[in-house]
Amino acid sequence: MNGHGDKRTLVGAVAGGIAPGNVVAYAQKKGLYAVVWSGEFAAIARSAPDI
């Protein structure tokens, strides 16, 4: 991870009230989860939403 023998795995997420599709796609491309609204609940986006 840091070049000094650190073997930890980082897991990250981005979340927002309204996430534009390009933000979701960018986060996913960088290996992050994108948490978006799905009806009344938040959910992990499977793919970038249509704009």
Protein backbone atom coordinates (compact mmCIF):
# COMPACT_ATOMS: atom_id res chain seq x y z
CA MET A 1 0.00 0.00 0.00
CA ASN A 2 2.58 2.58 1.02
CA GLY A 3 5.77 1.01 -0.28
CA HIS A 4 6.95 0.03 3.18
CA GLY A 5 5.51 -3.49 3.38
CA ASP A 6 2.05 -2.40 4.53
CA LYS A 7 -0.39 -5.10 3.34
CA ARG A 8 -3.67 -3.47 4.40
CA THR A 9 -6.50 -3.17 1.90
CA LEU A 10 -8.33 0.13 1.64
CA VAL A 11 -12.06 0.19 1.03
CA GLY A 12 -13.74 3.51 0.33
CA ALA A 13 -17.05 4.97 -0.71
CA VAL A 14 -18.47 8.23 -1.97
CA ALA A 15 -21.98 9.25 -1.03
CA GLY A 16 -24.21 12.18 -1.78
CA GLY A 17 -27.80 13.22 -1.98
CA ILE A 18 -27.73 13.47 -5.76
CA ALA A 19 -24.68 12.06 -7.53
CA PRO A 20 -24.33 12.82 -11.25
CA GLY A 21 -23.58 9.80 -13.41
CA ASN A 22 -20.07 11.01 -14.19
CA VAL A 23 -19.26 11.19 -10.45
CA VAL A 24 -20.55 7.64 -9.89
CA ALA A 25 -18.60 6.37 -12.90
CA TYR A 26 -15.40 8.12 -11.76
CA ALA A 27 -15.69 6.70 -8.23
CA GLN A 28 -16.29 3.19 -9.56
CA LYS A 29 -13.37 3.51 -11.99
CA LYS A 30 -11.15 4.37 -9.02
CA GLY A 31 -12.38 1.25 -7.19
CA LEU A 32 -14.75 2.99 -4.79
CA TYR A 33 -18.36 2.22 -3.99
CA ALA A 34 -20.89 4.90 -4.88
CA VAL A 35 -23.81 5.19 -2.45
CA VAL A 36 -26.85 6.77 -4.12
CA TRP A 37 -30.52 7.20 -3.32
CA SER A 38 -32.81 4.41 -4.48
CA GLY A 39 -36.35 5.46 -3.69
CA GLU A 40 -36.45 6.19 0.05
CA PHE A 41 -33.23 4.30 0.83
CA ALA A 42 -29.55 4.65 0.03
CA ALA A 43 -27.97 1.82 -1.97
CA ILE A 44 -24.64 0.97 -3.55
CA ALA A 45 -24.85 1.89 -7.25
CA ARG A 46 -24.36 -1.06 -9.59
CA SER A 47 -23.50 1.27 -12.48
CA ALA A 48 -23.59 4.96 -13.24
CA PRO A 49 -27.18 6.27 -13.34
CA ASP A 50 -28.52 7.65 -16.60
CA ILE A 51 -28.43 11.44 -16.86
